Amino acid sequence: MLITITGLQSTLSSTKQQQDTFDMIEIQQQQQQQQYSLQQLLSLGNLKNLNNFYENFFDIGTLIVKVHRAENLASADINGKSDPFCILELVNERLRTSTEYKTLSPVWNKFFKL
């Protein structure tokens, strides 16, 4: 008995199989890196940092505000001028600029960091 088996494989499908193999290897490497990263994250030193995270849970960043100026304010003094200042309030923070004496158009150019 003589059996002959012939098959043809196009180069396109061969290239696709190679690419699929490379993709699978890359996915496996990514999974190993993620697993290693998770092990590092759960190490004892990082668990201490995790406790600090919960202590500062509501500290989500820094807000920087610049107060430039005011123009054409209403006069509050008898002499037709005012002594203006600016108050910034954010939740439980309250900040105040310096008082600019005898002016209706004060310029502060002051930065506040909250």
C-alpha atoms as a PDB file:
ATOM      1  CA  MET A   1       0.000   0.000   0.000  1.00  0.00           C
ATOM      2  CA  LEU A   2       1.321   3.403  -0.945  1.00  0.00           C
ATOM      3  CA  ILE A   3      -0.132   6.548   0.578  1.00  0.00           C
ATOM      4  CA  THR A   4       0.941   9.983  -0.524  1.00  0.00           C
ATOM      5  CA  ILE A   5      -0.154  13.026   1.402  1.00  0.00           C
ATOM      6  CA  THR A   6       0.540  16.390  -0.065  1.00  0.00           C
ATOM      7  CA  GLY A   7      -0.431  19.744   1.283  1.00  0.00           C
ATOM      8  CA  LEU A   8       0.171  23.293   0.393  1.00  0.00           C
ATOM      9  CA  GLN A   9       0.398  26.091   2.836  1.00  0.00           C
ATOM     10  CA  SER A  10       0.372  29.630   1.601  1.00  0.00           C
ATOM     11  CA  THR A  11       2.993  32.021   2.910  1.00  0.00           C
ATOM     12  CA  LEU A  12       0.258  34.387   4.060  1.00  0.00           C
ATOM     13  CA  SER A  13      -1.164  31.866   6.483  1.00  0.00           C
ATOM     14  CA  SER A  14       2.339  30.848   7.591  1.00  0.00           C
ATOM     15  CA  THR A  15       3.161  34.464   8.345  1.00  0.00           C
ATOM     16  CA  LYS A  16      -0.136  34.828  10.193  1.00  0.00           C
ATOM     17  CA  GLN A  17       0.643  31.759  12.313  1.00  0.00           C
ATOM     18  CA  GLN A  18       4.062  33.166  13.157  1.00  0.00           C
ATOM     19  CA  GLN A  19       2.511  36.494  14.121  1.00  0.00           C
ATOM     20  CA  ASP A  20      -0.089  34.704  16.268  1.00  0.00           C
ATOM     21  CA  THR A  21       2.730  32.798  17.988  1.00  0.00           C
ATOM     22  CA  PHE A  22       4.614  36.037  18.643  1.00  0.00           C
ATOM     23  CA  ASP A  23       1.423  37.628  19.977  1.00  0.00           C
ATOM     24  CA  MET A  24       0.865  34.704  22.350  1.00  0.00           C
ATOM     25  CA  ILE A  25       4.451  34.931  23.619  1.00  0.00           C
ATOM     26  CA  GLU A  26       4.044  38.683  24.146  1.00  0.00           C
ATOM     27  CA  ILE A  27       0.781  38.162  26.053  1.00  0.00           C
ATOM     28  CA  GLN A  28       2.448  35.562  28.278  1.00  0.00           C
ATOM     29  CA  GLN A  29       5.326  37.947  28.999  1.00  0.00           C
ATOM     30  CA  GLN A  30       2.877  40.733  29.875  1.00  0.00           C
ATOM     31  CA  GLN A  31       0.996  38.408  32.227  1.00  0.00           C
ATOM     32  CA  GLN A  32       4.254  37.443  33.947  1.00  0.00           C
ATOM     33  CA  GLN A  33       5.197  41.117  34.344  1.00  0.00           C
ATOM     34  CA  GLN A  34       1.765  41.921  35.781  1.00  0.00           C
ATOM     35  CA  GLN A  35       2.053  39.039  38.230  1.00  0.00           C
ATOM     36  CA  TYR A  36       5.526  40.227  39.288  1.00  0.00           C
ATOM     37  CA  SER A  37       4.225  43.802  39.664  1.00  0.00           C
ATOM     38  CA  LEU A  38       1.361  42.536  41.834  1.00  0.00           C
ATOM     39  CA  GLN A  39       3.830  40.644  44.035  1.00  0.00           C
ATOM     40  CA  GLN A  40       5.910  43.810  44.428  1.00  0.00           C
ATOM     41  CA  LEU A  41       2.803  45.838  45.222  1.00  0.00           C
ATOM     42  CA  LEU A  42       1.784  43.431  47.957  1.00  0.00           C
ATOM     43  CA  SER A  43       5.238  43.357  49.536  1.00  0.00           C
ATOM     44  CA  LEU A  44       5.537  44.487  53.160  1.00  0.00           C
ATOM     45  CA  GLY A  45       7.161  47.829  52.324  1.00  0.00           C
ATOM     46  CA  ASN A  46       4.398  48.773  49.937  1.00  0.00           C
ATOM     47  CA  LEU A  47       1.682  47.793  52.396  1.00  0.00           C
ATOM     48  CA  LYS A  48       3.012  50.504  54.716  1.00  0.00           C
ATOM     49  CA  ASN A  49       2.626  53.013  51.876  1.00  0.00           C
ATOM     50  CA  LEU A  50      -0.911  51.730  51.344  1.00  0.00           C
ATOM     51  CA  ASN A  51      -1.761  52.694  54.929  1.00  0.00           C
ATOM     52  CA  ASN A  52      -0.519  56.221  54.221  1.00  0.00           C
ATOM     53  CA  PHE A  53      -2.818  56.296  51.205  1.00  0.00           C
ATOM     54  CA  TYR A  54      -5.880  55.775  53.371  1.00  0.00           C
ATOM     55  CA  GLU A  55      -4.712  58.405  55.867  1.00  0.00           C
ATOM     56  CA  ASN A  56      -4.493  60.968  53.053  1.00  0.00           C
ATOM     57  CA  PHE A  57      -7.513  59.718  51.092  1.00  0.00           C
ATOM     58  CA  PHE A  58      -9.059  63.160  50.649  1.00  0.00           C
ATOM     59  CA  ASP A  59      -5.752  64.823  49.743  1.00  0.00           C
ATOM     60  CA  ILE A  60      -6.158  64.549  45.984  1.00  0.00           C
ATOM     61  CA  GLY A  61      -3.933  67.357  44.818  1.00  0.00           C
ATOM     62  CA  THR A  62      -2.942  70.979  44.983  1.00  0.00           C
ATOM     63  CA  LEU A  63      -4.893  73.970  43.762  1.00  0.00           C
ATOM     64  CA  ILE A  64      -2.979  77.109  42.831  1.00  0.00           C
ATOM     65  CA  VAL A  65      -5.037  80.289  42.471  1.00  0.00           C
ATOM     66  CA  LYS A  66      -3.773  83.649  41.276  1.00  0.00           C
ATOM     67  CA  VAL A  67      -5.710  86.767  42.202  1.00  0.00           C
ATOM     68  CA  HIS A  68      -4.910  89.340  39.520  1.00  0.00           C
ATOM     69  CA  ARG A  69      -6.853  92.524  40.141  1.00  0.00           C
ATOM     70  CA  ALA A  70     -10.243  94.169  40.468  1.00  0.00           C
ATOM     71  CA  GLU A  71     -11.582  97.058  38.420  1.00  0.00           C
ATOM     72  CA  ASN A  72     -14.227  99.746  38.881  1.00  0.00           C
ATOM     73  CA  LEU A  73     -15.192  98.854  42.431  1.00  0.00           C
ATOM     74  CA  ALA A  74     -17.875 100.856  44.208  1.00  0.00           C
ATOM     75  CA  SER A  75     -16.538 103.459  46.602  1.00  0.00           C
ATOM     76  CA  ALA A  76     -17.107 102.710  50.265  1.00  0.00           C
ATOM     77  CA  ASP A  77     -15.285 105.612  51.914  1.00  0.00           C
ATOM     78  CA  ILE A  78     -16.318 109.243  52.223  1.00  0.00           C
ATOM     79  CA  ASN A  79     -13.396 110.329  50.033  1.00  0.00           C
ATOM     80  CA  GLY A  80     -14.759 108.322  47.065  1.00  0.00           C
ATOM     81  CA  LYS A  81     -12.203 105.537  47.373  1.00  0.00           C
ATOM     82  CA  SER A  82     -12.173 102.072  48.952  1.00  0.00           C
ATOM     83  CA  ASP A  83      -9.759  99.844  50.825  1.00  0.00           C
ATOM     84  CA  PRO A  84     -10.446  96.565  48.983  1.00  0.00           C
ATOM     85  CA  PHE A  85      -9.208  93.069  49.699  1.00  0.00           C
ATOM     86  CA  CYS A  86     -10.141  89.653  48.339  1.00  0.00           C
ATOM     87  CA  ILE A  87     -11.193  86.585  50.334  1.00  0.00           C
ATOM     88  CA  LEU A  88     -10.942  83.064  48.898  1.00  0.00           C
ATOM     89  CA  GLU A  89     -12.926  80.273  50.542  1.00  0.00           C
ATOM     90  CA  LEU A  90     -12.739  76.606  49.621  1.00  0.00           C
ATOM     91  CA  VAL A  91     -14.454  74.121  51.941  1.00  0.00           C
ATOM     92  CA  ASN A  92     -12.637  74.745  55.243  1.00  0.00           C
ATOM     93  CA  GLU A  93      -9.831  76.936  53.861  1.00  0.00           C
ATOM     94  CA  ARG A  94     -10.050  80.714  53.963  1.00  0.00           C
ATOM     95  CA  LEU A  95      -7.366  82.942  52.458  1.00  0.00           C
ATOM     96  CA  ARG A  96      -7.210  86.708  52.203  1.00  0.00           C
ATOM     97  CA  THR A  97      -5.178  89.107  50.084  1.00  0.00           C
ATOM     98  CA  SER A  98      -3.558  92.204  51.496  1.00  0.00           C
ATOM     99  CA  THR A  99      -5.604  95.396  51.690  1.00  0.00           C
ATOM    100  CA  GLU A 100      -4.941  97.930  48.952  1.00  0.00           C
ATOM    101  CA  TYR A 101      -5.652 101.342  50.453  1.00  0.00           C
ATOM    102  CA  LYS A 102      -7.473 104.226  48.734  1.00  0.00           C
ATOM    103  CA  THR A 103      -8.122 102.661  45.341  1.00  0.00           C
ATOM    104  CA  LEU A 104     -11.040 101.430  43.237  1.00  0.00           C
ATOM    105  CA  SER A 105      -8.835  99.288  40.962  1.00  0.00           C
ATOM    106  CA  PRO A 106      -6.508  97.236  43.162  1.00  0.00           C
ATOM    107  CA  VAL A 107      -3.783  95.003  41.720  1.00  0.00           C
ATOM    108  CA  TRP A 108      -2.693  92.050  43.876  1.00  0.00           C
ATOM    109  CA  ASN A 109      -0.979  89.540  41.545  1.00  0.00           C
ATOM    110  CA  LYS A 110      -0.871  87.125  44.456  1.00  0.00           C
ATOM    111  CA  PHE A 111      -0.651  83.315  44.298  1.00  0.00           C
ATOM    112  CA  PHE A 112      -2.391  81.037  46.779  1.00  0.00           C
ATOM    113  CA  LYS A 113      -1.685  77.334  47.130  1.00  0.00           C
ATOM    114  CA  LEU A 114      -4.459  75.162  48.579  1.00  0.00           C
END
